[in-house]
Amino acid sequence: MLFNSYAFILLFLPVVLAGYFRLGRRSNLAPVVWLALASITFYAIGSWQFVGLLLLSIAFNYGVGHLLIVAELTRPQRKAALALGLVGDLLVLGIFKYAGFVAENINALLGTHVAVHILLPVGISFYTFTQIAFLVDAYRGQVAAYALPHYALFVTYFPHLIAGPILHHKDMIPQFEHEETKRPDGHLMLCGIIIFAIGLFKKTCLADGIQPLVALAFEARSPSFDQAWLGALAYTFQLYFDFSGYSDMAIGISLLFGIFLPVNFNSPYRATSIVEFWRRWHMTLSQFLRDYLYIPLGGNRRGRVLRYVNLMITMLLGGLWHGAAWTFVIWGALHGAYLCINHAFNALVPNGPPLMARPARIAGAVLTFLAVVVAWVFFRAASVEWALRVLRAMADPANLVLGREEIAALVQVAIYAALVWLAPNTQGLMGYDHGNRAVGEALRAGRTRPLVLYAASLLLAFGVLGIQSHSEFIYFRF
């Protein structure tokens, strides 16, 4: 089921909300069970054939986690239990997500014709990483003994289940346990509706609105210089508003239940370096890769060379997490190389005079954005060959068309660029911060109520009217 669908907005969400708060009058546990069942139903509507796999994954990881948390195991036994959990999770993820990719490459190397066609379960990357973090923290002694219904809701919670954010148990399960989240909070619900409206507008009007221009670069056999750049920039902004819209909608939906999700997107194209970009883009994935891969590999504790090696390994695996294709591997390798260059530059080049600070930030922002656009070409392209074709066109200014269609596309891209760099982001506008229940204080005080409410009403109206019959979020594929 899609957040940007009439069935979700007009039927599923109101029914789940009503049941949640009605049950909350009588019990602290019943609403948790209701929301977990609703989340499984939400998943089943679009991926019924994989509900069994999701439930099996929950049972397996809860069982292993229970051993690590409650059972009095020796250190070797704890390591064995953790290894069992990690191998089990990664084996399932590997079979469903990478078996076809491995078979294709073996066929290419050996000239064989082994065909592997396995349907990818929606959201498997997100709920697998969520549970891996839980197991590792349980092994480290950082997890309390959670009840099964709360753990099941933590994994299946429908605002995050399909496309993130990657949740952390310590941020979410205590919220599910609190009685105050079972009673409706009118202010939080109003803030949730406003944030949802902003996200819906971003998705249905902005992301879907610029999507046709992407074909200029990625569906043309031989795009011109301007077509390649316009198509690449169109995809850059489509992905931005698609993912930003999903992140806003997830936060807004969760606020209706009085539950705060972590911020996952913070104006990443305003970053002045690649390091800063990864602190702003898919923030929960960045944190997961840092805490559960980069730091365990050694991080920056073993010298500069090994630091760069660890960065490259982390980003290569981060690329593979997004998809089983060489284009994603190259995308991850590019960002790994970018990060290595960024860290090397910071280590080797001294800070300039204060007078040059602002020009340096502007230059850094431009360079970072261009590097990200180049990497997005591999992320979007159907093959490495197609990506190289687009990049060759982007590097050939002599091949220029700039007809009426291209000029119209240029105007649209310029408008989107202005929105990205000049408009306030949602959390800044609403004062949203994960765990801070003072969200929307200006709205509560009445200082911005009329303007915000009118604007949100317009955005919601445009967003609902812009709903298309089947417009998935881009991150559904991962």
Protein backbone atom coordinates (compact mmCIF):
# COMPACT_ATOMS: atom_id res chain seq x y z
CA MET A 1 0.00 0.00 0.00
CA LEU A 2 1.25 3.47 -0.88
CA PHE A 3 1.10 6.50 1.42
CA ASN A 4 0.13 8.49 -1.68
CA SER A 5 -3.04 6.51 -2.40
CA TYR A 6 -6.69 7.24 -1.71
CA ALA A 7 -7.15 3.83 -0.06
CA PHE A 8 -4.44 4.63 2.49
CA ILE A 9 -5.45 8.24 3.19
CA LEU A 10 -9.23 7.79 3.27
CA LEU A 11 -9.62 4.26 4.63
CA PHE A 12 -6.62 2.48 6.13
CA LEU A 13 -5.15 5.35 8.18
CA PRO A 14 -8.42 6.59 9.73
CA VAL A 15 -9.48 3.05 10.71
CA VAL A 16 -6.10 2.24 12.28
CA LEU A 17 -6.05 5.55 14.17
CA ALA A 18 -9.57 5.11 15.50
CA GLY A 19 -8.89 1.55 16.65
CA TYR A 20 -5.57 2.50 18.25
CA PHE A 21 -6.95 5.28 20.41
CA ARG A 22 -10.17 3.43 21.25
CA LEU A 23 -8.21 0.46 22.55
CA GLY A 24 -5.86 2.87 24.34
CA ARG A 25 -8.68 3.84 26.70
CA ARG A 26 -8.79 0.32 28.12
CA SER A 27 -5.28 -1.11 27.94
CA ASN A 28 -1.66 -0.23 27.36
CA LEU A 29 -0.91 -3.47 25.48
CA ALA A 30 -3.97 -3.85 23.24
CA PRO A 31 -3.11 -0.76 21.08
CA VAL A 32 0.38 -2.16 20.52
CA VAL A 33 -1.04 -5.47 19.31
CA TRP A 34 -3.58 -3.62 17.15
CA LEU A 35 -0.90 -1.44 15.55
CA ALA A 36 1.36 -4.43 14.93
CA LEU A 37 -1.49 -6.34 13.26
CA ALA A 38 -2.39 -3.25 11.22
CA SER A 39 1.24 -2.94 10.14
CA ILE A 40 1.34 -6.58 9.02
CA THR A 41 -1.93 -6.00 7.14
CA PHE A 42 -0.39 -2.91 5.52
CA TYR A 43 2.52 -5.05 4.35
CA ALA A 44 0.28 -7.92 3.23
CA ILE A 45 -1.85 -5.69 0.99
CA GLY A 46 1.07 -5.21 -1.35
CA SER A 47 3.29 -8.22 -0.55
CA TRP A 48 1.05 -10.94 0.89
CA GLN A 49 3.34 -13.72 -0.36
CA PHE A 50 6.17 -12.49 1.90
CA VAL A 51 4.24 -12.03 5.14
CA GLY A 52 5.42 -15.46 6.31
CA LEU A 53 9.04 -14.48 5.68
CA LEU A 54 8.58 -11.26 7.66
CA LEU A 55 7.01 -13.10 10.61
CA LEU A 56 9.70 -15.79 10.51
CA SER A 57 12.38 -13.09 10.54
CA ILE A 58 10.77 -11.46 13.58
CA ALA A 59 10.50 -14.77 15.45
CA PHE A 60 14.08 -15.76 14.61
CA ASN A 61 15.65 -12.45 15.63
CA TYR A 62 13.53 -12.11 18.77
CA GLY A 63 14.55 -15.62 19.80
CA VAL A 64 18.27 -14.97 19.23
CA GLY A 65 17.98 -11.59 20.93
CA HIS A 66 16.22 -13.17 23.91
CA LEU A 67 19.12 -15.60 24.28
CA LEU A 68 21.60 -12.74 24.25
CA ILE A 69 19.62 -10.60 26.69
CA VAL A 70 18.20 -13.09 29.21
CA ALA A 71 20.13 -16.37 29.03
CA GLU A 72 23.31 -16.63 31.09
CA LEU A 73 25.64 -17.57 28.25
CA THR A 74 29.42 -17.75 28.30
CA ARG A 75 31.32 -15.36 26.03
CA PRO A 76 31.90 -18.02 23.33
CA GLN A 77 28.22 -18.94 23.47
CA ARG A 78 27.22 -15.29 23.11
CA LYS A 79 29.49 -14.96 20.08
CA ALA A 80 28.00 -18.10 18.59
CA ALA A 81 24.44 -16.81 19.16
CA LEU A 82 25.29 -13.48 17.54
CA ALA A 83 26.96 -15.23 14.62
CA LEU A 84 23.88 -17.41 14.17
CA GLY A 85 21.63 -14.36 14.08
CA LEU A 86 23.81 -12.38 11.68
CA VAL A 87 24.40 -15.32 9.34
CA GLY A 88 20.69 -16.10 9.30
CA ASP A 89 19.71 -12.51 8.49
CA LEU A 90 22.40 -12.01 5.86
CA LEU A 91 21.75 -15.40 4.28
CA VAL A 92 18.07 -14.59 3.75
CA LEU A 93 18.91 -11.11 2.45
CA GLY A 94 21.59 -12.56 0.20
CA ILE A 95 19.35 -15.22 -1.31
CA PHE A 96 16.45 -12.93 -2.06
CA LYS A 97 18.40 -9.86 -3.10
CA TYR A 98 21.69 -11.06 -4.57
CA ALA A 99 21.26 -14.64 -5.85
CA GLY A 100 20.26 -13.43 -9.32
CA PHE A 101 23.15 -10.95 -9.44
CA VAL A 102 25.67 -13.64 -8.46
CA ALA A 103 24.24 -16.04 -11.04
CA GLU A 104 24.49 -13.41 -13.79
CA ASN A 105 28.15 -12.76 -13.03
CA ILE A 106 28.99 -16.48 -12.84
CA ASN A 107 27.31 -16.93 -16.22
CA ALA A 108 29.34 -14.05 -17.64
CA LEU A 109 32.61 -15.52 -16.32
CA LEU A 110 32.05 -19.19 -17.12
CA GLY A 111 29.74 -18.98 -20.11
CA THR A 112 27.01 -20.88 -18.28
CA HIS A 113 23.29 -20.22 -18.51
CA VAL A 114 22.01 -20.61 -14.97
CA ALA A 115 18.77 -18.66 -14.55
CA VAL A 116 17.80 -17.43 -11.09
CA HIS A 117 14.60 -15.40 -10.78
CA ILE A 118 13.61 -14.59 -7.21
CA LEU A 119 11.04 -11.90 -6.41
CA LEU A 120 12.48 -9.30 -4.02
CA PRO A 121 10.38 -8.90 -0.83
CA VAL A 122 9.45 -5.26 -0.32
CA GLY A 123 11.29 -3.65 2.58
CA ILE A 124 13.59 -6.61 3.28
CA SER A 125 16.70 -4.40 3.40
CA PHE A 126 15.12 -2.10 5.98
CA TYR A 127 13.70 -4.67 8.37
CA THR A 128 16.87 -6.80 8.10
CA PHE A 129 19.20 -3.92 9.00
CA THR A 130 16.84 -2.84 11.79
CA GLN A 131 17.09 -6.29 13.36
CA ILE A 132 20.84 -6.67 12.81
CA ALA A 133 21.35 -3.51 14.85
CA PHE A 134 19.11 -4.99 17.56
CA LEU A 135 21.16 -8.22 17.72
CA VAL A 136 24.50 -6.42 17.84
CA ASP A 137 23.28 -4.13 20.64
CA ALA A 138 21.89 -7.15 22.50
CA TYR A 139 25.32 -8.80 22.28
CA ARG A 140 26.89 -5.59 23.61
CA GLY A 141 24.52 -5.59 26.59
CA GLN A 142 22.70 -2.44 25.45
CA VAL A 143 19.17 -3.87 25.13
CA ALA A 144 16.49 -4.32 27.76
CA ALA A 145 14.21 -7.37 27.77
CA TYR A 146 11.38 -6.30 25.48
CA ALA A 147 7.99 -8.01 25.21
CA LEU A 148 7.30 -9.76 21.91
CA PRO A 149 4.38 -7.47 20.88
CA HIS A 150 6.55 -4.36 21.32
CA TYR A 151 9.40 -5.95 19.39
CA ALA A 152 7.08 -7.06 16.59
CA LEU A 153 5.68 -3.53 16.33
CA PHE A 154 9.22 -2.12 16.33
CA VAL A 155 10.06 -4.20 13.25
CA THR A 156 6.76 -3.92 11.39
CA TYR A 157 5.70 -0.34 12.29
CA PHE A 158 4.12 0.62 8.99
CA PRO A 159 5.33 4.25 8.65
CA HIS A 160 8.88 2.91 8.31
CA LEU A 161 8.46 -0.69 7.13
CA ILE A 162 8.69 -0.23 3.36
CA ALA A 163 11.31 2.48 2.85
CA GLY A 164 12.74 3.45 6.21
CA PRO A 165 14.00 5.13 8.22
CA ILE A 166 16.09 2.34 9.73
CA LEU A 167 14.84 2.34 13.32
CA HIS A 168 16.78 1.81 16.52
CA HIS A 169 15.17 -0.10 19.37
CA LYS A 170 16.16 2.40 22.08
CA ASP A 171 14.44 5.21 20.17
CA MET A 172 11.20 3.37 19.41
CA ILE A 173 10.27 0.59 21.84
CA PRO A 174 10.17 2.89 24.91
CA GLN A 175 7.69 5.07 22.99
CA PHE A 176 5.52 2.03 22.29
CA GLU A 177 5.60 1.17 26.00
CA HIS A 178 4.51 4.62 27.24
CA GLU A 179 0.84 5.07 28.12
CA GLU A 180 0.80 8.70 26.96
CA THR A 181 1.20 7.63 23.32
CA LYS A 182 -2.11 5.71 23.55
CA ARG A 183 -4.11 8.91 24.09
CA PRO A 184 -4.73 11.34 21.22
CA ASP A 185 -2.76 14.59 21.35
CA GLY A 186 -4.57 17.18 19.24
CA HIS A 187 -1.49 19.33 18.72
CA LEU A 188 0.73 16.46 17.64
CA MET A 189 -1.99 15.24 15.31
CA LEU A 190 -2.28 18.69 13.74
CA CYS A 191 1.50 18.84 13.28
CA GLY A 192 1.40 15.34 11.80
CA ILE A 193 -1.25 16.34 9.26
CA ILE A 194 0.76 19.42 8.24
CA ILE A 195 4.00 17.46 7.84
CA PHE A 196 2.15 14.72 5.94
CA ALA A 197 0.63 17.35 3.64
CA ILE A 198 4.07 18.79 2.87
CA GLY A 199 5.43 15.33 2.11
CA LEU A 200 2.46 14.40 -0.05
CA PHE A 201 2.89 17.59 -2.09
CA LYS A 202 6.60 16.88 -2.52
CA LYS A 203 5.85 13.41 -3.83
CA THR A 204 2.79 13.84 -6.02
CA CYS A 205 3.45 17.33 -7.37
CA LEU A 206 7.21 17.88 -7.28
CA ALA A 207 8.83 14.43 -7.61
CA ASP A 208 6.23 13.03 -9.98
CA GLY A 209 6.03 16.38 -11.77
CA ILE A 210 9.67 16.36 -12.88
CA GLN A 211 9.91 12.62 -13.53
CA PRO A 212 9.14 12.91 -17.30
CA LEU A 213 12.27 15.02 -17.81
CA VAL A 214 14.48 12.16 -16.58
CA ALA A 215 13.87 10.43 -19.92
CA LEU A 216 15.89 13.15 -21.68
CA ALA A 217 19.07 11.49 -20.42
CA PHE A 218 18.17 7.95 -19.41
CA GLU A 219 15.88 6.83 -22.22
CA ALA A 220 17.50 8.59 -25.20
CA ARG A 221 19.92 6.54 -27.28
CA SER A 222 22.26 9.47 -27.84
CA PRO A 223 21.39 12.45 -25.64
CA SER A 224 22.90 15.84 -26.39
CA PHE A 225 24.95 17.80 -23.87
CA ASP A 226 21.98 19.80 -22.61
CA GLN A 227 19.63 16.80 -22.63
CA ALA A 228 22.08 14.72 -20.61
CA TRP A 229 22.55 17.46 -18.01
CA LEU A 230 18.84 18.27 -17.81
CA GLY A 231 17.93 14.59 -17.45
CA ALA A 232 20.60 14.01 -14.79
CA LEU A 233 19.54 17.12 -12.86
CA ALA A 234 15.87 16.16 -13.21
CA TYR A 235 16.61 12.77 -11.63
CA THR A 236 18.70 14.46 -8.94
CA PHE A 237 15.72 16.60 -7.95
CA GLN A 238 13.15 13.84 -8.48
CA LEU A 239 15.02 11.57 -6.05
CA TYR A 240 15.41 14.47 -3.61
CA PHE A 241 11.72 15.30 -3.43
CA ASP A 242 10.64 11.65 -3.62
CA PHE A 243 12.76 10.61 -0.66
CA SER A 244 12.18 13.85 1.23
CA GLY A 245 8.45 13.47 0.63
CA TYR A 246 8.43 9.89 1.93
CA SER A 247 10.46 10.91 4.99
CA ASP A 248 8.02 13.74 5.78
CA MET A 249 4.98 11.54 5.26
CA ALA A 250 6.39 8.83 7.52
CA ILE A 251 7.11 11.37 10.28
CA GLY A 252 3.68 12.97 9.85
CA ILE A 253 1.81 9.65 9.98
CA SER A 254 3.75 8.59 13.08
CA LEU A 255 2.99 11.88 14.83
CA LEU A 256 -0.73 11.13 14.47
CA PHE A 257 -0.08 8.23 16.87
CA GLY A 258 2.04 10.44 19.14
CA ILE A 259 5.20 8.56 18.13
CA PHE A 260 8.35 10.33 16.94
CA LEU A 261 10.44 8.90 14.11
CA PRO A 262 14.09 9.92 13.61
CA VAL A 263 14.86 12.59 11.04
CA ASN A 264 16.18 10.83 7.95
CA PHE A 265 16.64 13.71 5.51
CA ASN A 266 18.06 17.18 6.15
CA SER A 267 18.56 19.27 2.98
CA PRO A 268 21.54 17.21 1.75
CA TYR A 269 22.13 19.27 -1.41
CA ARG A 270 23.07 22.21 0.80
CA ALA A 271 26.08 20.27 2.06
CA THR A 272 29.47 21.90 1.52
CA SER A 273 31.35 18.58 1.51
CA ILE A 274 30.68 14.90 0.88
CA VAL A 275 31.20 14.19 4.57
CA GLU A 276 28.42 16.65 5.37
CA PHE A 277 26.26 15.22 2.56
CA TRP A 278 26.27 11.82 4.26
CA ARG A 279 25.29 13.43 7.54
CA ARG A 280 22.21 14.82 5.79
CA TRP A 281 21.22 12.11 3.25
CA HIS A 282 19.49 8.92 4.45
CA MET A 283 20.78 9.73 7.90
CA THR A 284 19.71 6.49 9.58
CA LEU A 285 21.48 4.40 6.95
CA SER A 286 24.61 6.52 7.37
CA GLN A 287 24.46 6.00 11.13
CA PHE A 288 23.95 2.26 10.70
CA LEU A 289 26.92 1.93 8.32
CA ARG A 290 29.07 3.99 10.68
CA ASP A 291 28.11 2.21 13.93
CA TYR A 292 27.78 -1.38 12.70
CA LEU A 293 30.27 -1.57 9.85
CA TYR A 294 32.81 1.28 9.64
CA ILE A 295 33.66 1.44 13.35
CA PRO A 296 33.81 -2.38 13.83
CA LEU A 297 36.17 -2.52 10.83
CA GLY A 298 38.48 -0.20 12.75
CA GLY A 299 37.21 3.19 11.67
CA ASN A 300 40.00 5.75 11.81
CA ARG A 301 41.80 4.14 14.76
CA ARG A 302 44.47 2.27 12.76
CA GLY A 303 46.04 4.96 10.67
CA ARG A 304 45.10 6.98 7.62
CA VAL A 305 45.52 4.25 5.00
CA LEU A 306 43.32 1.73 6.79
CA ARG A 307 40.80 4.49 7.40
CA TYR A 308 40.47 4.96 3.64
CA VAL A 309 40.23 1.20 3.12
CA ASN A 310 37.45 1.02 5.72
CA LEU A 311 35.63 3.90 4.06
CA MET A 312 35.79 2.19 0.66
CA ILE A 313 34.54 -1.14 2.07
CA THR A 314 31.71 0.60 3.91
CA MET A 315 30.53 2.57 0.88
CA LEU A 316 30.87 -0.40 -1.50
CA LEU A 317 28.62 -2.43 0.79
CA GLY A 318 26.34 0.59 1.16
CA GLY A 319 26.05 0.69 -2.62
CA LEU A 320 25.24 -3.03 -2.76
CA TRP A 321 22.61 -2.52 -0.05
CA HIS A 322 20.73 -0.29 -2.49
CA GLY A 323 20.63 -2.89 -5.24
CA ALA A 324 22.20 -5.96 -6.80
CA ALA A 325 23.83 -4.37 -9.85
CA TRP A 326 27.25 -3.07 -10.86
CA THR A 327 25.78 0.41 -11.21
CA PHE A 328 25.14 0.48 -7.45
CA VAL A 329 28.62 -0.90 -6.74
CA ILE A 330 30.16 1.91 -8.82
CA TRP A 331 27.91 4.46 -7.11
CA GLY A 332 29.13 3.23 -3.73
CA ALA A 333 32.76 3.20 -4.94
CA LEU A 334 32.45 6.79 -6.17
CA HIS A 335 31.13 7.96 -2.81
CA GLY A 336 33.85 5.99 -1.03
CA ALA A 337 36.46 7.74 -3.19
CA TYR A 338 34.78 11.10 -2.58
CA LEU A 339 34.93 10.55 1.18
CA CYS A 340 38.59 9.51 1.04
CA ILE A 341 39.47 12.63 -0.96
CA ASN A 342 37.44 14.80 1.42
CA HIS A 343 39.18 13.40 4.52
CA ALA A 344 42.61 13.62 2.86
CA PHE A 345 41.96 17.24 1.88
CA ASN A 346 40.90 18.11 5.44
CA ALA A 347 44.05 16.46 6.81
CA LEU A 348 46.55 17.91 4.35
CA VAL A 349 45.26 21.37 3.47
CA PRO A 350 45.35 23.99 6.23
CA ASN A 351 42.41 26.25 6.90
CA GLY A 352 42.44 29.41 4.81
CA PRO A 353 42.04 32.97 6.11
CA PRO A 354 38.60 33.93 7.51
CA LEU A 355 38.03 36.19 4.49
CA MET A 356 38.02 33.13 2.25
CA ALA A 357 35.68 31.07 4.40
CA ARG A 358 32.47 32.01 2.58
CA PRO A 359 33.89 31.59 -0.98
CA ALA A 360 35.35 28.24 0.14
CA ARG A 361 31.95 27.06 1.41
CA ILE A 362 30.27 28.09 -1.85
CA ALA A 363 32.94 26.33 -3.90
CA GLY A 364 32.61 23.27 -1.68
CA ALA A 365 28.82 23.22 -2.10
CA VAL A 366 29.06 23.47 -5.90
CA LEU A 367 31.75 20.79 -6.13
CA THR A 368 29.85 18.49 -3.77
CA PHE A 369 26.62 18.87 -5.72
CA LEU A 370 28.32 18.15 -9.07
CA ALA A 371 30.02 15.07 -7.60
CA VAL A 372 26.67 13.82 -6.30
CA VAL A 373 24.99 14.40 -9.68
CA VAL A 374 27.69 12.37 -11.46
CA ALA A 375 27.23 9.51 -8.99
CA TRP A 376 23.43 9.63 -9.39
CA VAL A 377 23.90 8.86 -13.09
CA PHE A 378 25.15 5.37 -12.16
CA PHE A 379 22.43 5.07 -9.49
CA ARG A 380 19.68 5.69 -12.07
CA ALA A 381 21.09 4.12 -15.24
CA ALA A 382 19.89 0.69 -16.35
CA SER A 383 23.48 -0.44 -16.95
CA VAL A 384 27.06 0.74 -16.62
CA GLU A 385 27.20 1.18 -20.41
CA TRP A 386 24.16 3.44 -20.34
CA ALA A 387 25.60 5.50 -17.48
CA LEU A 388 28.85 6.02 -19.38
CA ARG A 389 26.84 7.09 -22.43
CA VAL A 390 25.10 9.79 -20.37
CA LEU A 391 28.38 10.93 -18.80
CA ARG A 392 30.08 11.18 -22.20
CA ALA A 393 27.21 13.39 -23.38
CA MET A 394 27.53 15.53 -20.23
CA ALA A 395 31.22 16.05 -21.08
CA ASP A 396 30.59 17.12 -24.71
CA PRO A 397 29.39 20.76 -24.80
CA ALA A 398 29.83 20.87 -28.57
CA ASN A 399 26.78 18.60 -28.95
CA LEU A 400 24.09 21.13 -28.03
CA VAL A 401 20.42 21.14 -29.05
CA LEU A 402 18.60 23.61 -26.73
CA GLY A 403 15.27 23.50 -28.53
CA ARG A 404 11.89 24.50 -27.16
CA GLU A 405 11.56 21.32 -25.08
CA GLU A 406 15.02 21.75 -23.58
CA ILE A 407 14.38 25.42 -22.71
CA ALA A 408 11.13 24.50 -20.95
CA ALA A 409 12.99 21.75 -19.08
CA LEU A 410 15.71 24.22 -18.09
CA VAL A 411 13.12 26.57 -16.57
CA GLN A 412 11.56 23.72 -14.59
CA VAL A 413 14.93 22.49 -13.33
CA ALA A 414 15.83 26.05 -12.27
CA ILE A 415 12.59 26.31 -10.26
CA TYR A 416 13.34 23.03 -8.51
CA ALA A 417 16.88 24.18 -7.75
CA ALA A 418 15.49 27.33 -6.14
CA LEU A 419 13.16 25.24 -3.97
CA VAL A 420 16.02 22.97 -2.89
CA TRP A 421 18.42 25.75 -1.93
CA LEU A 422 16.14 28.61 -0.87
CA ALA A 423 12.99 27.10 0.67
CA PRO A 424 13.04 26.06 4.36
CA ASN A 425 13.03 22.33 5.02
CA THR A 426 10.16 20.68 6.85
CA GLN A 427 11.81 20.10 10.21
CA GLY A 428 13.07 23.68 10.28
CA LEU A 429 9.63 25.00 9.38
CA MET A 430 7.86 22.88 12.00
CA GLY A 431 10.56 22.78 14.67
CA TYR A 432 10.59 18.97 14.51
CA ASP A 433 13.33 17.11 16.31
CA HIS A 434 13.24 13.42 17.15
CA GLY A 435 12.22 12.97 20.76
CA ASN A 436 11.38 16.65 21.29
CA ARG A 437 7.66 16.86 22.01
CA ALA A 438 7.80 20.66 21.59
CA VAL A 439 7.32 20.24 17.84
CA GLY A 440 5.36 23.09 16.27
CA GLU A 441 5.63 25.43 19.26
CA ALA A 442 5.06 28.50 17.06
CA LEU A 443 1.90 26.82 15.81
CA ARG A 444 0.81 25.98 19.38
CA ALA A 445 1.35 29.58 20.44
CA GLY A 446 -0.80 30.81 17.56
CA ARG A 447 1.96 32.93 16.05
CA THR A 448 1.89 31.15 12.68
CA ARG A 449 -1.41 29.26 12.90
CA PRO A 450 -3.46 30.94 10.11
CA LEU A 451 -0.63 31.05 7.56
CA VAL A 452 0.56 27.49 8.24
CA LEU A 453 -2.94 26.04 8.26
CA TYR A 454 -3.90 27.73 4.99
CA ALA A 455 -0.64 26.64 3.37
CA ALA A 456 -1.00 23.08 4.65
CA SER A 457 -4.58 22.92 3.40
CA LEU A 458 -3.47 24.00 -0.07
CA LEU A 459 -0.57 21.55 -0.11
CA LEU A 460 -2.82 18.72 1.03
CA ALA A 461 -5.40 19.59 -1.62
CA PHE A 462 -2.80 19.78 -4.39
CA GLY A 463 -1.13 16.62 -3.09
CA VAL A 464 -4.36 14.63 -3.04
CA LEU A 465 -5.39 15.90 -6.47
CA GLY A 466 -1.95 15.01 -7.82
CA ILE A 467 -2.16 11.37 -6.72
CA GLN A 468 -1.53 9.07 -9.64
CA SER A 469 -2.91 5.55 -9.95
CA HIS A 470 0.45 3.86 -9.29
CA SER A 471 3.41 6.03 -8.35
CA GLU A 472 5.77 4.14 -6.07
CA PHE A 473 8.46 5.79 -4.01
CA ILE A 474 11.90 5.23 -5.49
CA TYR A 475 13.23 3.64 -2.27
CA PHE A 476 10.57 0.92 -2.48
CA ARG A 477 13.01 -0.87 -4.81
CA PHE A 478 15.67 -1.24 -2.14
